[in-house]
Amino acid sequence: MNIMISYAPFWRTLKMRGETTYSLITKHNISSATIDRMKKGGGISTAKIEDFCRILDCRVEDIIEYIK
């Protein structure tokens, strides 16, 4: 059984909000390592998901989705 969390909603939400990974890093102090982990499908903390929801004014579902 493969369990996977996808960040596809995050990339769509980021674009819709007019933000970039550069602005997240420089303006919002998100580490480049976090962005890199997400690009590679790695895990991030719930605190980081909360940060993204605050920055992008969105819900958790706009950041991650569960795929069986």
Protein backbone atom coordinates (compact mmCIF):
# COMPACT_ATOMS: atom_id res chain seq x y z
CA MET A 1 0.00 0.00 0.00
CA ASN A 2 1.47 3.31 -1.12
CA ILE A 3 0.38 6.41 0.75
CA MET A 4 1.24 9.69 -0.85
CA ILE A 5 0.79 13.32 -0.01
CA SER A 6 0.79 15.53 -3.09
CA TYR A 7 1.68 19.20 -3.12
CA ALA A 8 0.01 19.82 -6.49
CA PRO A 9 -2.68 22.00 -4.85
CA PHE A 10 0.09 24.14 -3.31
CA TRP A 11 1.65 24.97 -6.68
CA ARG A 12 -1.77 25.90 -8.12
CA THR A 13 -2.63 28.04 -5.08
CA LEU A 14 0.78 29.72 -5.16
CA LYS A 15 0.22 30.74 -8.78
CA MET A 16 -3.38 31.88 -8.16
CA ARG A 17 -2.21 34.11 -5.28
CA GLY A 18 0.50 35.69 -7.41
CA GLU A 19 3.30 34.44 -5.17
CA THR A 20 6.52 32.70 -6.22
CA THR A 21 8.94 30.44 -4.43
CA TYR A 22 11.34 33.41 -4.49
CA SER A 23 8.84 35.63 -2.67
CA LEU A 24 8.15 32.88 -0.13
CA ILE A 25 11.86 32.66 0.62
CA THR A 26 12.69 36.38 0.63
CA LYS A 27 9.48 38.01 1.83
CA HIS A 28 8.00 35.33 4.09
CA ASN A 29 11.17 33.65 5.42
CA ILE A 30 10.33 30.16 4.16
CA SER A 31 13.54 28.18 3.82
CA SER A 32 14.71 27.08 0.39
CA ALA A 33 15.16 23.60 1.92
CA THR A 34 11.40 23.45 2.60
CA ILE A 35 10.61 24.41 -1.00
CA ASP A 36 13.14 21.85 -2.25
CA ARG A 37 11.59 19.10 -0.07
CA MET A 38 8.16 19.92 -1.46
CA LYS A 39 9.42 19.85 -5.05
CA LYS A 40 10.82 16.37 -4.37
CA GLY A 41 7.63 15.18 -2.64
CA GLY A 42 9.22 15.05 0.82
CA GLY A 43 7.49 15.72 4.10
CA ILE A 44 6.92 19.07 5.75
CA SER A 45 5.64 19.86 9.23
CA THR A 46 2.09 20.79 10.09
CA ALA A 47 3.50 24.09 11.38
CA LYS A 48 4.84 24.79 7.87
CA ILE A 49 1.45 23.89 6.34
CA GLU A 50 -0.11 26.37 8.77
CA ASP A 51 2.42 29.02 7.67
CA PHE A 52 1.49 28.46 4.02
CA CYS A 53 -2.24 28.69 4.83
CA ARG A 54 -1.63 32.02 6.59
CA ILE A 55 0.64 33.42 3.85
CA LEU A 56 -1.62 32.32 0.99
CA ASP A 57 -4.90 32.88 2.86
CA CYS A 58 -6.15 29.40 2.04
CA ARG A 59 -7.18 26.07 3.55
CA VAL A 60 -5.11 22.94 4.14
CA GLU A 61 -6.75 21.33 1.08
CA ASP A 62 -5.25 24.14 -1.01
CA ILE A 63 -1.77 23.03 0.08
CA ILE A 64 -1.80 19.22 0.20
CA GLU A 65 -3.92 16.31 -0.93
CA TYR A 66 -3.87 12.64 -0.06
CA ILE A 67 -3.55 10.20 -2.94
CA LYS A 68 -3.94 6.44 -2.41
